[in-house]
Amino acid sequence: MIKEGSKANYVVRAKTGWGGQKTKEKGFQNVGWYIGYIETKDNVYYFSNCIQSPDDNNPDFAKARIEIMDKILTELKIYE
């Protein structure tokens, strides 16, 4: 895991990945993931996000893995 960021009240360690799979129903699918954990003063939170897209030309696919997870963790008030 790589240290992705930190502030006074938490540290994020995470890893991204990107691959693909071919299916009979949908053809080729891009598969992206973002996994890791957040250490706070009082707890450790683990997270995992997996997204799929058939669009090879989507310029937002790479950053979407992280942005989706950041939004969820912010809504859960795990970090800001």
PDB file of N, CA and C in Angstrom:
ATOM      1  N   MET A   1       0.835  -1.169   0.000  1.00  0.00           N
ATOM      2  CA  MET A   1       0.000   0.000   0.000  1.00  0.00           C
ATOM      3  C   MET A   1       0.887   1.243   0.000  1.00  0.00           C
ATOM      4  N   ILE A   2       0.413   2.243  -0.682  1.00  0.00           N
ATOM      5  CA  ILE A   2       1.119   3.509  -0.787  1.00  0.00           C
ATOM      6  C   ILE A   2       0.388   4.540   0.059  1.00  0.00           C
ATOM      7  N   LYS A   3       1.134   5.377   0.729  1.00  0.00           N
ATOM      8  CA  LYS A   3       0.521   6.450   1.502  1.00  0.00           C
ATOM      9  C   LYS A   3      -0.039   7.468   0.519  1.00  0.00           C
ATOM     10  N   GLU A   4      -1.368   7.551   0.461  1.00  0.00           N
ATOM     11  CA  GLU A   4      -2.048   8.419  -0.491  1.00  0.00           C
ATOM     12  C   GLU A   4      -2.233   9.830   0.050  1.00  0.00           C
ATOM     13  N   GLY A   5      -2.321   9.954   1.338  1.00  0.00           N
ATOM     14  CA  GLY A   5      -2.529  11.265   1.918  1.00  0.00           C
ATOM     15  C   GLY A   5      -2.646  11.177   3.415  1.00  0.00           C
ATOM     16  N   SER A   6      -2.503  12.322   4.044  1.00  0.00           N
ATOM     17  CA  SER A   6      -2.672  12.354   5.487  1.00  0.00           C
ATOM     18  C   SER A   6      -2.997  13.775   5.923  1.00  0.00           C
ATOM     19  N   LYS A   7      -3.646  13.858   7.044  1.00  0.00           N
ATOM     20  CA  LYS A   7      -3.918  15.113   7.720  1.00  0.00           C
ATOM     21  C   LYS A   7      -3.668  14.842   9.191  1.00  0.00           C
ATOM     22  N   ALA A   8      -3.905  15.814  10.022  1.00  0.00           N
ATOM     23  CA  ALA A   8      -3.623  15.665  11.446  1.00  0.00           C
ATOM     24  C   ALA A   8      -4.408  14.514  12.080  1.00  0.00           C
ATOM     25  N   ASN A   9      -5.601  14.218  11.538  1.00  0.00           N
ATOM     26  CA  ASN A   9      -6.446  13.217  12.190  1.00  0.00           C
ATOM     27  C   ASN A   9      -6.593  11.899  11.432  1.00  0.00           C
ATOM     28  N   TYR A  10      -5.886  11.706  10.311  1.00  0.00           N
ATOM     29  CA  TYR A  10      -5.956  10.417   9.616  1.00  0.00           C
ATOM     30  C   TYR A  10      -4.807  10.244   8.634  1.00  0.00           C
ATOM     31  N   VAL A  11      -4.587   8.955   8.258  1.00  0.00           N
ATOM     32  CA  VAL A  11      -3.628   8.587   7.215  1.00  0.00           C
ATOM     33  C   VAL A  11      -4.337   7.605   6.284  1.00  0.00           C
ATOM     34  N   VAL A  12      -4.198   7.820   4.967  1.00  0.00           N
ATOM     35  CA  VAL A  12      -4.798   6.931   3.971  1.00  0.00           C
ATOM     36  C   VAL A  12      -3.690   6.157   3.280  1.00  0.00           C
ATOM     37  N   ARG A  13      -3.827   4.838   3.254  1.00  0.00           N
ATOM     38  CA  ARG A  13      -2.919   3.984   2.494  1.00  0.00           C
ATOM     39  C   ARG A  13      -3.787   3.189   1.526  1.00  0.00           C
ATOM     40  N   ALA A  14      -3.400   3.197   0.235  1.00  0.00           N
ATOM     41  CA  ALA A  14      -4.279   2.602  -0.771  1.00  0.00           C
ATOM     42  C   ALA A  14      -3.501   2.179  -2.002  1.00  0.00           C
ATOM     43  N   LYS A  15      -4.186   1.434  -2.873  1.00  0.00           N
ATOM     44  CA  LYS A  15      -3.607   0.946  -4.118  1.00  0.00           C
ATOM     45  C   LYS A  15      -4.697   0.923  -5.177  1.00  0.00           C
ATOM     46  N   THR A  16      -4.363   1.389  -6.382  1.00  0.00           N
ATOM     47  CA  THR A  16      -5.288   1.300  -7.505  1.00  0.00           C
ATOM     48  C   THR A  16      -4.878   0.150  -8.420  1.00  0.00           C
ATOM     49  N   GLY A  17      -5.813  -0.270  -9.238  1.00  0.00           N
ATOM     50  CA  GLY A  17      -5.523  -1.286 -10.242  1.00  0.00           C
ATOM     51  C   GLY A  17      -6.482  -1.144 -11.403  1.00  0.00           C
ATOM     52  N   TRP A  18      -6.083  -1.699 -12.557  1.00  0.00           N
ATOM     53  CA  TRP A  18      -6.911  -1.597 -13.762  1.00  0.00           C
ATOM     54  C   TRP A  18      -6.638  -2.808 -14.628  1.00  0.00           C
ATOM     55  N   GLY A  19      -7.685  -3.451 -15.057  1.00  0.00           N
ATOM     56  CA  GLY A  19      -7.555  -4.601 -15.933  1.00  0.00           C
ATOM     57  C   GLY A  19      -8.762  -4.665 -16.844  1.00  0.00           C
ATOM     58  N   GLY A  20      -8.972  -5.794 -17.417  1.00  0.00           N
ATOM     59  CA  GLY A  20     -10.110  -5.950 -18.299  1.00  0.00           C
ATOM     60  C   GLY A  20     -10.555  -7.393 -18.363  1.00  0.00           C
ATOM     61  N   GLN A  21     -11.765  -7.572 -18.819  1.00  0.00           N
ATOM     62  CA  GLN A  21     -12.281  -8.924 -19.004  1.00  0.00           C
ATOM     63  C   GLN A  21     -13.225  -8.929 -20.190  1.00  0.00           C
ATOM     64  N   LYS A  22     -13.234 -10.036 -20.864  1.00  0.00           N
ATOM     65  CA  LYS A  22     -14.124 -10.201 -22.010  1.00  0.00           C
ATOM     66  C   LYS A  22     -15.277 -11.090 -21.583  1.00  0.00           C
ATOM     67  N   THR A  23     -16.487 -10.635 -21.865  1.00  0.00           N
ATOM     68  CA  THR A  23     -17.667 -11.436 -21.546  1.00  0.00           C
ATOM     69  C   THR A  23     -18.505 -11.629 -22.809  1.00  0.00           C
ATOM     70  N   LYS A  24     -19.278 -12.688 -22.840  1.00  0.00           N
ATOM     71  CA  LYS A  24     -20.145 -12.947 -23.988  1.00  0.00           C
ATOM     72  C   LYS A  24     -21.247 -11.903 -24.086  1.00  0.00           C
ATOM     73  N   GLU A  25     -21.780 -11.499 -22.942  1.00  0.00           N
ATOM     74  CA  GLU A  25     -22.917 -10.586 -22.933  1.00  0.00           C
ATOM     75  C   GLU A  25     -22.524  -9.144 -23.236  1.00  0.00           C
ATOM     76  N   LYS A  26     -21.415  -8.678 -22.674  1.00  0.00           N
ATOM     77  CA  LYS A  26     -21.081  -7.256 -22.750  1.00  0.00           C
ATOM     78  C   LYS A  26     -19.835  -6.952 -23.576  1.00  0.00           C
ATOM     79  N   GLY A  27     -19.175  -7.953 -24.110  1.00  0.00           N
ATOM     80  CA  GLY A  27     -17.929  -7.712 -24.821  1.00  0.00           C
ATOM     81  C   GLY A  27     -16.817  -7.400 -23.832  1.00  0.00           C
ATOM     82  N   PHE A  28     -15.911  -6.518 -24.194  1.00  0.00           N
ATOM     83  CA  PHE A  28     -14.797  -6.172 -23.308  1.00  0.00           C
ATOM     84  C   PHE A  28     -15.237  -5.159 -22.260  1.00  0.00           C
ATOM     85  N   GLN A  29     -14.828  -5.394 -21.030  1.00  0.00           N
ATOM     86  CA  GLN A  29     -15.128  -4.500 -19.917  1.00  0.00           C
ATOM     87  C   GLN A  29     -13.828  -4.060 -19.253  1.00  0.00           C
ATOM     88  N   ASN A  30     -13.636  -2.745 -19.091  1.00  0.00           N
ATOM     89  CA  ASN A  30     -12.566  -2.240 -18.243  1.00  0.00           C
ATOM     90  C   ASN A  30     -12.982  -2.454 -16.798  1.00  0.00           C
ATOM     91  N   VAL A  31     -12.072  -2.910 -15.980  1.00  0.00           N
ATOM     92  CA  VAL A  31     -12.336  -3.117 -14.560  1.00  0.00           C
ATOM     93  C   VAL A  31     -11.277  -2.342 -13.788  1.00  0.00           C
ATOM     94  N   GLY A  32     -11.730  -1.421 -12.953  1.00  0.00           N
ATOM     95  CA  GLY A  32     -10.805  -0.632 -12.151  1.00  0.00           C
ATOM     96  C   GLY A  32     -11.134  -0.780 -10.679  1.00  0.00           C
ATOM     97  N   TRP A  33     -10.124  -0.711  -9.839  1.00  0.00           N
ATOM     98  CA  TRP A  33     -10.375  -0.838  -8.408  1.00  0.00           C
ATOM     99  C   TRP A  33      -9.480   0.096  -7.615  1.00  0.00           C
ATOM    100  N   TYR A  34      -9.909   0.337  -6.385  1.00  0.00           N
ATOM    101  CA  TYR A  34      -9.188   1.173  -5.435  1.00  0.00           C
ATOM    102  C   TYR A  34      -9.440   0.560  -4.073  1.00  0.00           C
ATOM    103  N   ILE A  35      -8.392   0.070  -3.431  1.00  0.00           N
ATOM    104  CA  ILE A  35      -8.535  -0.581  -2.131  1.00  0.00           C
ATOM    105  C   ILE A  35      -7.550   0.039  -1.150  1.00  0.00           C
ATOM    106  N   GLY A  36      -7.878  -0.069   0.121  1.00  0.00           N
ATOM    107  CA  GLY A  36      -6.949   0.446   1.111  1.00  0.00           C
ATOM    108  C   GLY A  36      -7.574   0.551   2.482  1.00  0.00           C
ATOM    109  N   TYR A  37      -6.935   1.393   3.297  1.00  0.00           N
ATOM    110  CA  TYR A  37      -7.456   1.614   4.640  1.00  0.00           C
ATOM    111  C   TYR A  37      -7.086   3.003   5.121  1.00  0.00           C
ATOM    112  N   ILE A  38      -7.867   3.458   6.088  1.00  0.00           N
ATOM    113  CA  ILE A  38      -7.668   4.771   6.698  1.00  0.00           C
ATOM    114  C   ILE A  38      -7.435   4.545   8.181  1.00  0.00           C
ATOM    115  N   GLU A  39      -6.353   5.098   8.682  1.00  0.00           N
ATOM    116  CA  GLU A  39      -6.065   5.041  10.109  1.00  0.00           C
ATOM    117  C   GLU A  39      -6.425   6.387  10.730  1.00  0.00           C
ATOM    118  N   THR A  40      -7.298   6.355  11.716  1.00  0.00           N
ATOM    119  CA  THR A  40      -7.592   7.548  12.492  1.00  0.00           C
ATOM    120  C   THR A  40      -7.031   7.327  13.895  1.00  0.00           C
ATOM    121  N   LYS A  41      -7.190   8.314  14.736  1.00  0.00           N
ATOM    122  CA  LYS A  41      -6.694   8.194  16.112  1.00  0.00           C
ATOM    123  C   LYS A  41      -7.376   7.028  16.842  1.00  0.00           C
ATOM    124  N   ASP A  42      -8.653   6.802  16.531  1.00  0.00           N
ATOM    125  CA  ASP A  42      -9.444   5.824  17.273  1.00  0.00           C
ATOM    126  C   ASP A  42      -9.789   4.547  16.533  1.00  0.00           C
ATOM    127  N   ASN A  43      -9.532   4.477  15.211  1.00  0.00           N
ATOM    128  CA  ASN A  43     -10.039   3.331  14.464  1.00  0.00           C
ATOM    129  C   ASN A  43      -9.265   3.145  13.159  1.00  0.00           C
ATOM    130  N   VAL A  44      -9.504   1.978  12.538  1.00  0.00           N
ATOM    131  CA  VAL A  44      -8.997   1.695  11.197  1.00  0.00           C
ATOM    132  C   VAL A  44     -10.201   1.306  10.346  1.00  0.00           C
ATOM    133  N   TYR A  45     -10.324   1.940   9.178  1.00  0.00           N
ATOM    134  CA  TYR A  45     -11.427   1.674   8.257  1.00  0.00           C
ATOM    135  C   TYR A  45     -10.854   1.113   6.966  1.00  0.00           C
ATOM    136  N   TYR A  46     -11.364  -0.035   6.539  1.00  0.00           N
ATOM    137  CA  TYR A  46     -10.932  -0.658   5.285  1.00  0.00           C
ATOM    138  C   TYR A  46     -11.954  -0.338   4.204  1.00  0.00           C
ATOM    139  N   PHE A  47     -11.485  -0.162   2.974  1.00  0.00           N
ATOM    140  CA  PHE A  47     -12.411   0.126   1.891  1.00  0.00           C
ATOM    141  C   PHE A  47     -11.970  -0.576   0.615  1.00  0.00           C
ATOM    142  N   SER A  48     -12.948  -0.778  -0.262  1.00  0.00           N
ATOM    143  CA  SER A  48     -12.701  -1.390  -1.565  1.00  0.00           C
ATOM    144  C   SER A  48     -13.739  -0.852  -2.540  1.00  0.00           C
ATOM    145  N   ASN A  49     -13.288  -0.486  -3.722  1.00  0.00           N
ATOM    146  CA  ASN A  49     -14.183   0.013  -4.751  1.00  0.00           C
ATOM    147  C   ASN A  49     -13.805  -0.645  -6.076  1.00  0.00           C
ATOM    148  N   CYS A  50     -14.793  -1.179  -6.772  1.00  0.00           N
ATOM    149  CA  CYS A  50     -14.569  -1.794  -8.080  1.00  0.00           C
ATOM    150  C   CYS A  50     -15.591  -1.217  -9.052  1.00  0.00           C
ATOM    151  N   ILE A  51     -15.089  -0.677 -10.174  1.00  0.00           N
ATOM    152  CA  ILE A  51     -15.987  -0.129 -11.189  1.00  0.00           C
ATOM    153  C   ILE A  51     -15.703  -0.801 -12.526  1.00  0.00           C
ATOM    154  N   GLN A  52     -16.701  -0.776 -13.410  1.00  0.00           N
ATOM    155  CA  GLN A  52     -16.557  -1.372 -14.736  1.00  0.00           C
ATOM    156  C   GLN A  52     -17.102  -0.425 -15.792  1.00  0.00           C
ATOM    157  N   SER A  53     -16.510  -0.479 -16.979  1.00  0.00           N
ATOM    158  CA  SER A  53     -16.981   0.333 -18.099  1.00  0.00           C
ATOM    159  C   SER A  53     -16.594  -0.335 -19.414  1.00  0.00           C
ATOM    160  N   PRO A  54     -17.515  -0.344 -20.377  1.00  0.00           N
ATOM    161  CA  PRO A  54     -17.173  -0.879 -21.700  1.00  0.00           C
ATOM    162  C   PRO A  54     -16.471   0.161 -22.582  1.00  0.00           C
ATOM    163  N   ASP A  55     -16.388   1.400 -22.124  1.00  0.00           N
ATOM    164  CA  ASP A  55     -15.861   2.514 -22.917  1.00  0.00           C
ATOM    165  C   ASP A  55     -14.344   2.629 -22.754  1.00  0.00           C
ATOM    166  N   ASP A  56     -13.592   2.242 -23.777  1.00  0.00           N
ATOM    167  CA  ASP A  56     -12.130   2.351 -23.746  1.00  0.00           C
ATOM    168  C   ASP A  56     -11.638   3.792 -23.852  1.00  0.00           C
ATOM    169  N   ASN A  57     -12.495   4.695 -24.263  1.00  0.00           N
ATOM    170  CA  ASN A  57     -12.081   6.080 -24.487  1.00  0.00           C
ATOM    171  C   ASN A  57     -12.573   7.027 -23.395  1.00  0.00           C
ATOM    172  N   ASN A  58     -12.978   6.508 -22.262  1.00  0.00           N
ATOM    173  CA  ASN A  58     -13.475   7.339 -21.174  1.00  0.00           C
ATOM    174  C   ASN A  58     -12.288   7.962 -20.434  1.00  0.00           C
ATOM    175  N   PRO A  59     -12.058   9.265 -20.585  1.00  0.00           N
ATOM    176  CA  PRO A  59     -10.905   9.898 -19.947  1.00  0.00           C
ATOM    177  C   PRO A  59     -11.041   9.993 -18.425  1.00  0.00           C
ATOM    178  N   ASP A  60     -12.244   9.804 -17.898  1.00  0.00           N
ATOM    179  CA  ASP A  60     -12.475   9.926 -16.457  1.00  0.00           C
ATOM    180  C   ASP A  60     -12.413   8.601 -15.707  1.00  0.00           C
ATOM    181  N   PHE A  61     -12.236   7.506 -16.434  1.00  0.00           N
ATOM    182  CA  PHE A  61     -12.290   6.190 -15.787  1.00  0.00           C
ATOM    183  C   PHE A  61     -11.214   6.043 -14.709  1.00  0.00           C
ATOM    184  N   ALA A  62      -9.999   6.424 -14.994  1.00  0.00           N
ATOM    185  CA  ALA A  62      -8.896   6.243 -14.040  1.00  0.00           C
ATOM    186  C   ALA A  62      -9.134   7.004 -12.750  1.00  0.00           C
ATOM    187  N   LYS A  63      -9.527   8.262 -12.845  1.00  0.00           N
ATOM    188  CA  LYS A  63      -9.720   9.052 -11.630  1.00  0.00           C
ATOM    189  C   LYS A  63     -11.037   8.740 -10.929  1.00  0.00           C
ATOM    190  N   ALA A  64     -12.004   8.158 -11.647  1.00  0.00           N
ATOM    191  CA  ALA A  64     -13.305   7.845 -11.051  1.00  0.00           C
ATOM    192  C   ALA A  64     -13.181   6.839  -9.915  1.00  0.00           C
ATOM    193  N   ARG A  65     -12.231   5.899 -10.029  1.00  0.00           N
ATOM    194  CA  ARG A  65     -12.057   4.895  -8.969  1.00  0.00           C
ATOM    195  C   ARG A  65     -11.819   5.561  -7.621  1.00  0.00           C
ATOM    196  N   ILE A  66     -10.975   6.588  -7.618  1.00  0.00           N
ATOM    197  CA  ILE A  66     -10.621   7.272  -6.380  1.00  0.00           C
ATOM    198  C   ILE A  66     -11.701   8.280  -5.993  1.00  0.00           C
ATOM    199  N   GLU A  67     -12.214   9.025  -6.952  1.00  0.00           N
ATOM    200  CA  GLU A  67     -13.212  10.054  -6.649  1.00  0.00           C
ATOM    201  C   GLU A  67     -14.485   9.472  -6.045  1.00  0.00           C
ATOM    202  N   ILE A  68     -14.924   8.326  -6.546  1.00  0.00           N
ATOM    203  CA  ILE A  68     -16.120   7.676  -5.998  1.00  0.00           C
ATOM    204  C   ILE A  68     -15.883   7.295  -4.538  1.00  0.00           C
ATOM    205  N   MET A  69     -14.730   6.689  -4.269  1.00  0.00           N
ATOM    206  CA  MET A  69     -14.435   6.264  -2.903  1.00  0.00           C
ATOM    207  C   MET A  69     -14.287   7.464  -1.978  1.00  0.00           C
ATOM    208  N   ASP A  70     -13.632   8.525  -2.440  1.00  0.00           N
ATOM    209  CA  ASP A  70     -13.489   9.734  -1.624  1.00  0.00           C
ATOM    210  C   ASP A  70     -14.851  10.313  -1.253  1.00  0.00           C
ATOM    211  N   LYS A  71     -15.758  10.325  -2.216  1.00  0.00           N
ATOM    212  CA  LYS A  71     -17.095  10.863  -1.946  1.00  0.00           C
ATOM    213  C   LYS A  71     -17.823  10.021  -0.898  1.00  0.00           C
ATOM    214  N   ILE A  72     -17.736   8.711  -1.024  1.00  0.00           N
ATOM    215  CA  ILE A  72     -18.398   7.822  -0.055  1.00  0.00           C
ATOM    216  C   ILE A  72     -17.813   8.012   1.344  1.00  0.00           C
ATOM    217  N   LEU A  73     -16.482   8.035   1.450  1.00  0.00           N
ATOM    218  CA  LEU A  73     -15.845   8.175   2.759  1.00  0.00           C
ATOM    219  C   LEU A  73     -16.108   9.542   3.375  1.00  0.00           C
ATOM    220  N   THR A  74     -16.226  10.572   2.554  1.00  0.00           N
ATOM    221  CA  THR A  74     -16.577  11.893   3.055  1.00  0.00           C
ATOM    222  C   THR A  74     -18.016  11.915   3.560  1.00  0.00           C
ATOM    223  N   GLU A  75     -18.934  11.309   2.797  1.00  0.00           N
ATOM    224  CA  GLU A  75     -20.338  11.244   3.227  1.00  0.00           C
ATOM    225  C   GLU A  75     -20.484  10.467   4.538  1.00  0.00           C
ATOM    226  N   LEU A  76     -19.651   9.448   4.726  1.00  0.00           N
ATOM    227  CA  LEU A  76     -19.675   8.679   5.973  1.00  0.00           C
ATOM    228  C   LEU A  76     -18.966   9.398   7.113  1.00  0.00           C
ATOM    229  N   LYS A  77     -18.383  10.558   6.819  1.00  0.00           N
ATOM    230  CA  LYS A  77     -17.661  11.386   7.780  1.00  0.00           C
ATOM    231  C   LYS A  77     -16.451  10.679   8.369  1.00  0.00           C
ATOM    232  N   ILE A  78     -15.832   9.811   7.556  1.00  0.00           N
ATOM    233  CA  ILE A  78     -14.609   9.150   7.977  1.00  0.00           C
ATOM    234  C   ILE A  78     -13.431  10.092   7.795  1.00  0.00           C
ATOM    235  N   TYR A  79     -13.469  10.874   6.728  1.00  0.00           N
ATOM    236  CA  TYR A  79     -12.500  11.956   6.571  1.00  0.00           C
ATOM    237  C   TYR A  79     -13.081  13.067   5.730  1.00  0.00           C
ATOM    238  N   GLU A  80     -12.355  14.173   5.700  1.00  0.00           N
ATOM    239  CA  GLU A  80     -12.817  15.342   4.948  1.00  0.00           C
ATOM    240  C   GLU A  80     -11.924  15.587   3.765  1.00  0.00           C
TER     241      GLU A  80
END
